[in-house]
Every structure is written in structure tokens, then in C-alpha cells.
Amino acid sequence: MRLTDSNTDEQQSRSHSDLKWRHPGGKLRELGADKLTDAELLSILISIGIKGRSAEEIAEDILLKFGSFKGMANQPLQKFLEIKGLGDVKIIRIAAAFEIARRIVNQVLEEHEKEE
């Protein structure tokens, strides 16, 4: 699935390297979710940073701590609280996104098993 808005002719004529975004959400809107880095995707869930630290910096810290999205999976929520800039609301958003992903994977696996 690709989440994008339709682009105007003017937007399409610009080079992707010329585009500047204040937040990864704008990049997602223009280029599609598949063009974002893991840190950019995670920073969208984090939404806003804290004084002196952007959402992207917090996302990068999370990925450094856990190594990858896979490394983040099934971690106790308490471990996320060790990262400066993460509180309950941001951690709950991340946990909800992981649960959605887990359910999608389970549905795909169930459908695949039925086909066999």
C-alpha cells in the first residue's frame, strides 16, 4: 500500500533532491511512505520533540538503542522510558503501531496458510 496524495504538475516537475521538508510527514505526502528512512517514519509517530531535541533525533536514539524496528519489537515499554524525550503518549503511539503491524503480519500468514 502506498499512502500519497496526488501531485500537481508543478510538484512533479521538481527534482526530489530539491524538495525540502520541515517534518517527514511532508516528505511522506510528496514521495510516499516507502521513501522515508526508519528514523523518519518513527519520528512521525513521535510527532514532536522536546526542547533541544527534534522528533527525528529522538527516533534516531531509539533505533541506536534497539538496532532496528525488529529490535524494538516486544521490548517492555519501560525500556523506552529510558530514552530522553519519550513519555507515555509517544510510547503508546509506537506500541500501537507495532501492534497494528503484528496483526497485519498475522492476517497475511493466516491467508497464506489457507491457500496451501
N, C-alpha and C. Protein backbone atom coordinates (compact mmCIF):
# COMPACT_ATOMS: atom_id res chain seq x y z
N MET A 1 0.85 -1.16 0.00
CA MET A 1 0.00 0.00 0.00
C MET A 1 0.90 1.23 0.00
N ARG A 2 0.52 2.22 -0.78
CA ARG A 2 1.31 3.44 -0.85
C ARG A 2 0.41 4.59 -0.47
N LEU A 3 0.79 5.33 0.55
CA LEU A 3 0.00 6.44 1.02
C LEU A 3 0.58 7.73 0.46
N THR A 4 -0.04 8.27 -0.57
CA THR A 4 0.40 9.53 -1.16
C THR A 4 -0.80 10.32 -1.60
N ASP A 5 -0.63 11.62 -1.68
CA ASP A 5 -1.62 12.49 -2.29
C ASP A 5 -1.25 12.63 -3.75
N SER A 6 -2.21 12.96 -4.59
CA SER A 6 -1.86 13.18 -5.99
C SER A 6 -1.06 14.47 -6.09
N ASN A 7 -0.02 14.46 -6.91
CA ASN A 7 0.86 15.61 -7.07
C ASN A 7 0.38 16.50 -8.20
N THR A 8 0.61 17.80 -8.05
CA THR A 8 0.32 18.72 -9.14
C THR A 8 1.45 18.64 -10.15
N ASP A 9 1.22 19.18 -11.36
CA ASP A 9 2.26 19.17 -12.38
C ASP A 9 3.51 19.88 -11.89
N GLU A 10 3.32 20.98 -11.16
CA GLU A 10 4.46 21.74 -10.65
C GLU A 10 5.27 20.90 -9.68
N GLN A 11 4.60 20.16 -8.80
CA GLN A 11 5.30 19.31 -7.84
C GLN A 11 6.04 18.20 -8.56
N GLN A 12 5.44 17.63 -9.60
CA GLN A 12 6.06 16.54 -10.31
C GLN A 12 7.29 16.98 -11.09
N SER A 13 7.31 18.25 -11.52
CA SER A 13 8.43 18.72 -12.32
C SER A 13 9.67 19.00 -11.48
N ARG A 14 9.50 19.18 -10.18
CA ARG A 14 10.65 19.43 -9.32
C ARG A 14 11.42 18.14 -9.07
N SER A 15 12.71 18.28 -8.96
CA SER A 15 13.56 17.14 -8.64
C SER A 15 13.34 16.79 -7.18
N HIS A 16 13.29 15.48 -6.88
CA HIS A 16 13.11 15.06 -5.49
C HIS A 16 14.22 15.59 -4.60
N SER A 17 15.42 15.73 -5.13
CA SER A 17 16.53 16.22 -4.32
C SER A 17 16.39 17.69 -3.99
N ASP A 18 15.55 18.42 -4.74
CA ASP A 18 15.34 19.84 -4.48
C ASP A 18 14.29 20.08 -3.41
N LEU A 19 13.51 19.06 -3.08
CA LEU A 19 12.42 19.23 -2.12
C LEU A 19 12.97 19.31 -0.70
N LYS A 20 12.41 20.21 0.08
CA LYS A 20 12.79 20.36 1.48
C LYS A 20 11.54 20.21 2.33
N TRP A 21 11.67 19.49 3.42
CA TRP A 21 10.53 19.28 4.31
C TRP A 21 10.91 19.69 5.71
N ARG A 22 9.95 20.26 6.40
CA ARG A 22 10.16 20.61 7.81
C ARG A 22 9.96 19.40 8.69
N HIS A 23 9.14 18.49 8.25
CA HIS A 23 8.82 17.28 9.02
C HIS A 23 8.68 16.14 8.02
N PRO A 24 9.03 14.94 8.40
CA PRO A 24 8.92 13.81 7.47
C PRO A 24 7.52 13.57 6.93
N GLY A 25 6.50 14.09 7.60
CA GLY A 25 5.14 13.94 7.08
C GLY A 25 4.98 14.57 5.71
N GLY A 26 5.64 15.69 5.49
CA GLY A 26 5.60 16.34 4.18
C GLY A 26 6.30 15.50 3.13
N LYS A 27 7.40 14.89 3.51
CA LYS A 27 8.12 14.01 2.59
C LYS A 27 7.27 12.80 2.25
N LEU A 28 6.60 12.24 3.25
CA LEU A 28 5.72 11.10 3.02
C LEU A 28 4.61 11.49 2.05
N ARG A 29 4.02 12.65 2.26
CA ARG A 29 2.93 13.12 1.42
C ARG A 29 3.38 13.26 -0.04
N GLU A 30 4.58 13.78 -0.25
CA GLU A 30 5.05 14.04 -1.61
C GLU A 30 5.67 12.83 -2.30
N LEU A 31 6.38 11.99 -1.54
CA LEU A 31 7.13 10.90 -2.16
C LEU A 31 6.57 9.52 -1.87
N GLY A 32 5.81 9.39 -0.79
CA GLY A 32 5.30 8.09 -0.37
C GLY A 32 6.06 7.55 0.82
N ALA A 33 5.39 6.74 1.60
CA ALA A 33 5.96 6.19 2.83
C ALA A 33 7.20 5.35 2.59
N ASP A 34 7.26 4.69 1.44
CA ASP A 34 8.40 3.82 1.14
C ASP A 34 9.69 4.58 0.92
N LYS A 35 9.63 5.89 0.76
CA LYS A 35 10.83 6.69 0.53
C LYS A 35 11.44 7.23 1.83
N LEU A 36 10.78 7.03 2.96
CA LEU A 36 11.28 7.53 4.23
C LEU A 36 12.22 6.53 4.88
N THR A 37 13.18 7.05 5.63
CA THR A 37 14.05 6.20 6.43
C THR A 37 13.27 5.69 7.64
N ASP A 38 13.82 4.69 8.30
CA ASP A 38 13.18 4.18 9.52
C ASP A 38 13.04 5.30 10.55
N ALA A 39 14.07 6.13 10.70
CA ALA A 39 14.01 7.22 11.68
C ALA A 39 12.93 8.23 11.31
N GLU A 40 12.77 8.51 10.03
CA GLU A 40 11.73 9.46 9.61
C GLU A 40 10.34 8.90 9.89
N LEU A 41 10.12 7.62 9.60
CA LEU A 41 8.83 7.01 9.88
C LEU A 41 8.53 7.04 11.38
N LEU A 42 9.51 6.68 12.17
CA LEU A 42 9.35 6.67 13.62
C LEU A 42 9.10 8.07 14.15
N SER A 43 9.76 9.06 13.58
CA SER A 43 9.58 10.44 14.06
C SER A 43 8.17 10.95 13.79
N ILE A 44 7.50 10.42 12.78
CA ILE A 44 6.10 10.79 12.54
C ILE A 44 5.23 10.31 13.70
N LEU A 45 5.50 9.11 14.20
CA LEU A 45 4.76 8.61 15.37
C LEU A 45 5.07 9.43 16.61
N ILE A 46 6.33 9.82 16.75
CA ILE A 46 6.74 10.61 17.92
C ILE A 46 6.10 11.99 17.86
N SER A 47 5.94 12.51 16.66
CA SER A 47 5.25 13.77 16.39
C SER A 47 6.10 15.00 16.69
N ILE A 48 6.29 15.31 17.94
CA ILE A 48 7.08 16.50 18.28
C ILE A 48 8.20 16.11 19.24
N GLY A 49 9.26 16.86 19.19
CA GLY A 49 10.38 16.61 20.07
C GLY A 49 10.21 17.33 21.39
N ILE A 50 11.32 17.57 22.02
CA ILE A 50 11.34 18.34 23.26
C ILE A 50 12.35 19.46 23.05
N LYS A 51 12.45 20.34 24.00
CA LYS A 51 13.38 21.46 23.88
C LYS A 51 14.80 20.92 23.62
N GLY A 52 15.36 21.34 22.50
CA GLY A 52 16.71 20.93 22.16
C GLY A 52 16.85 19.61 21.43
N ARG A 53 15.74 18.89 21.24
CA ARG A 53 15.80 17.58 20.56
C ARG A 53 14.58 17.42 19.67
N SER A 54 14.81 17.25 18.39
CA SER A 54 13.71 17.06 17.44
C SER A 54 13.17 15.63 17.55
N ALA A 55 12.00 15.44 16.97
CA ALA A 55 11.40 14.10 16.92
C ALA A 55 12.32 13.14 16.17
N GLU A 56 12.98 13.64 15.11
CA GLU A 56 13.89 12.77 14.35
C GLU A 56 15.10 12.36 15.19
N GLU A 57 15.60 13.26 16.01
CA GLU A 57 16.74 12.91 16.87
C GLU A 57 16.34 11.86 17.90
N ILE A 58 15.14 12.00 18.44
CA ILE A 58 14.64 11.01 19.39
C ILE A 58 14.48 9.66 18.69
N ALA A 59 13.94 9.68 17.47
CA ALA A 59 13.77 8.45 16.70
C ALA A 59 15.12 7.78 16.43
N GLU A 60 16.11 8.59 16.10
CA GLU A 60 17.45 8.03 15.85
C GLU A 60 18.01 7.39 17.12
N ASP A 61 17.77 8.02 18.28
CA ASP A 61 18.22 7.44 19.55
C ASP A 61 17.55 6.08 19.80
N ILE A 62 16.27 6.00 19.50
CA ILE A 62 15.55 4.73 19.69
C ILE A 62 16.17 3.65 18.83
N LEU A 63 16.40 3.97 17.56
CA LEU A 63 16.96 2.98 16.65
C LEU A 63 18.39 2.62 17.02
N LEU A 64 19.15 3.56 17.55
CA LEU A 64 20.50 3.24 18.03
C LEU A 64 20.44 2.28 19.22
N LYS A 65 19.50 2.53 20.11
CA LYS A 65 19.38 1.70 21.31
C LYS A 65 18.96 0.27 20.98
N PHE A 66 17.99 0.13 20.06
CA PHE A 66 17.42 -1.18 19.78
C PHE A 66 17.90 -1.79 18.46
N GLY A 67 18.58 -1.02 17.64
CA GLY A 67 19.17 -1.54 16.42
C GLY A 67 18.30 -1.49 15.18
N SER A 68 17.00 -1.68 15.35
CA SER A 68 16.09 -1.73 14.21
C SER A 68 14.66 -1.80 14.74
N PHE A 69 13.71 -1.77 13.79
CA PHE A 69 12.31 -1.98 14.20
C PHE A 69 12.16 -3.36 14.82
N LYS A 70 12.81 -4.35 14.23
CA LYS A 70 12.73 -5.71 14.77
C LYS A 70 13.27 -5.74 16.20
N GLY A 71 14.35 -5.02 16.45
CA GLY A 71 14.91 -4.95 17.80
C GLY A 71 13.99 -4.26 18.79
N MET A 72 13.15 -3.37 18.28
CA MET A 72 12.20 -2.65 19.13
C MET A 72 11.02 -3.53 19.53
N ALA A 73 10.69 -4.46 18.65
CA ALA A 73 9.50 -5.29 18.86
C ALA A 73 9.63 -6.09 20.15
N ASN A 74 8.54 -6.18 20.86
CA ASN A 74 8.43 -6.97 22.09
C ASN A 74 9.31 -6.46 23.23
N GLN A 75 9.84 -5.25 23.11
CA GLN A 75 10.57 -4.67 24.24
C GLN A 75 9.55 -4.19 25.27
N PRO A 76 9.86 -4.30 26.53
CA PRO A 76 8.95 -3.75 27.54
C PRO A 76 8.88 -2.23 27.39
N LEU A 77 7.70 -1.69 27.58
CA LEU A 77 7.51 -0.24 27.44
C LEU A 77 8.47 0.54 28.34
N GLN A 78 8.81 -0.03 29.46
CA GLN A 78 9.72 0.61 30.41
C GLN A 78 11.06 0.95 29.78
N LYS A 79 11.54 0.11 28.88
CA LYS A 79 12.84 0.35 28.23
C LYS A 79 12.81 1.63 27.40
N PHE A 80 11.66 1.94 26.84
CA PHE A 80 11.53 3.15 26.03
C PHE A 80 11.60 4.41 26.89
N LEU A 81 11.16 4.30 28.12
CA LEU A 81 11.19 5.45 29.03
C LEU A 81 12.62 5.90 29.34
N GLU A 82 13.59 5.04 29.08
CA GLU A 82 15.00 5.38 29.32
C GLU A 82 15.52 6.38 28.28
N ILE A 83 14.77 6.58 27.22
CA ILE A 83 15.21 7.47 26.15
C ILE A 83 14.66 8.87 26.39
N LYS A 84 15.57 9.84 26.44
CA LYS A 84 15.18 11.22 26.70
C LYS A 84 14.27 11.72 25.58
N GLY A 85 13.11 12.24 25.97
CA GLY A 85 12.17 12.77 25.01
C GLY A 85 10.96 11.88 24.79
N LEU A 86 10.99 10.68 25.36
CA LEU A 86 9.85 9.78 25.24
C LEU A 86 9.07 9.74 26.54
N GLY A 87 7.79 9.95 26.42
CA GLY A 87 6.89 9.81 27.56
C GLY A 87 5.81 8.81 27.22
N ASP A 88 4.84 8.69 28.09
CA ASP A 88 3.79 7.70 27.92
C ASP A 88 3.06 7.80 26.59
N VAL A 89 2.66 9.01 26.20
CA VAL A 89 1.86 9.17 24.98
C VAL A 89 2.65 8.72 23.75
N LYS A 90 3.89 9.13 23.65
CA LYS A 90 4.70 8.75 22.49
C LYS A 90 4.97 7.25 22.47
N ILE A 91 5.23 6.68 23.62
CA ILE A 91 5.48 5.24 23.71
C ILE A 91 4.22 4.45 23.35
N ILE A 92 3.07 4.93 23.78
CA ILE A 92 1.81 4.25 23.46
C ILE A 92 1.55 4.30 21.97
N ARG A 93 1.85 5.43 21.31
CA ARG A 93 1.70 5.52 19.85
C ARG A 93 2.57 4.48 19.15
N ILE A 94 3.82 4.38 19.59
CA ILE A 94 4.75 3.42 18.99
C ILE A 94 4.25 1.99 19.22
N ALA A 95 3.82 1.70 20.45
CA ALA A 95 3.31 0.35 20.77
C ALA A 95 2.08 0.02 19.92
N ALA A 96 1.21 0.99 19.72
CA ALA A 96 0.01 0.77 18.90
C ALA A 96 0.40 0.47 17.45
N ALA A 97 1.37 1.19 16.92
CA ALA A 97 1.82 0.96 15.54
C ALA A 97 2.40 -0.44 15.40
N PHE A 98 3.16 -0.87 16.39
CA PHE A 98 3.73 -2.22 16.35
C PHE A 98 2.64 -3.28 16.44
N GLU A 99 1.63 -3.03 17.21
CA GLU A 99 0.53 -4.00 17.32
C GLU A 99 -0.24 -4.08 16.00
N ILE A 100 -0.44 -2.94 15.35
CA ILE A 100 -1.10 -2.94 14.04
C ILE A 100 -0.27 -3.78 13.06
N ALA A 101 1.04 -3.54 13.04
CA ALA A 101 1.92 -4.29 12.14
C ALA A 101 1.86 -5.79 12.45
N ARG A 102 1.86 -6.14 13.74
CA ARG A 102 1.80 -7.56 14.14
C ARG A 102 0.51 -8.20 13.64
N ARG A 103 -0.60 -7.47 13.76
CA ARG A 103 -1.89 -8.01 13.30
C ARG A 103 -1.93 -8.18 11.79
N ILE A 104 -1.33 -7.25 11.07
CA ILE A 104 -1.26 -7.38 9.61
C ILE A 104 -0.48 -8.63 9.24
N VAL A 105 0.67 -8.81 9.87
CA VAL A 105 1.50 -9.99 9.59
C VAL A 105 0.72 -11.27 9.89
N ASN A 106 0.02 -11.29 11.01
CA ASN A 106 -0.76 -12.49 11.35
C ASN A 106 -1.86 -12.75 10.34
N GLN A 107 -2.53 -11.70 9.87
CA GLN A 107 -3.58 -11.88 8.86
C GLN A 107 -3.00 -12.42 7.56
N VAL A 108 -1.87 -11.90 7.15
CA VAL A 108 -1.21 -12.36 5.92
C VAL A 108 -0.81 -13.83 6.07
N LEU A 109 -0.24 -14.18 7.22
CA LEU A 109 0.17 -15.57 7.45
C LEU A 109 -1.04 -16.51 7.45
N GLU A 110 -2.14 -16.09 8.07
CA GLU A 110 -3.36 -16.90 8.09
C GLU A 110 -3.89 -17.11 6.68
N GLU A 111 -3.90 -16.06 5.87
CA GLU A 111 -4.38 -16.16 4.49
C GLU A 111 -3.46 -17.08 3.68
N HIS A 112 -2.17 -16.97 3.92
CA HIS A 112 -1.21 -17.81 3.21
C HIS A 112 -1.40 -19.28 3.56
N GLU A 113 -1.67 -19.56 4.84
CA GLU A 113 -1.89 -20.95 5.29
C GLU A 113 -3.15 -21.53 4.65
N LYS A 114 -4.19 -20.69 4.47
CA LYS A 114 -5.43 -21.16 3.86
C LYS A 114 -5.23 -21.52 2.39
N GLU A 115 -4.29 -20.81 1.73
CA GLU A 115 -4.04 -21.05 0.31
C GLU A 115 -3.28 -22.34 0.08
N GLU A 116 -2.55 -22.81 1.07
CA GLU A 116 -1.74 -24.02 0.91
C GLU A 116 -2.52 -25.28 1.03
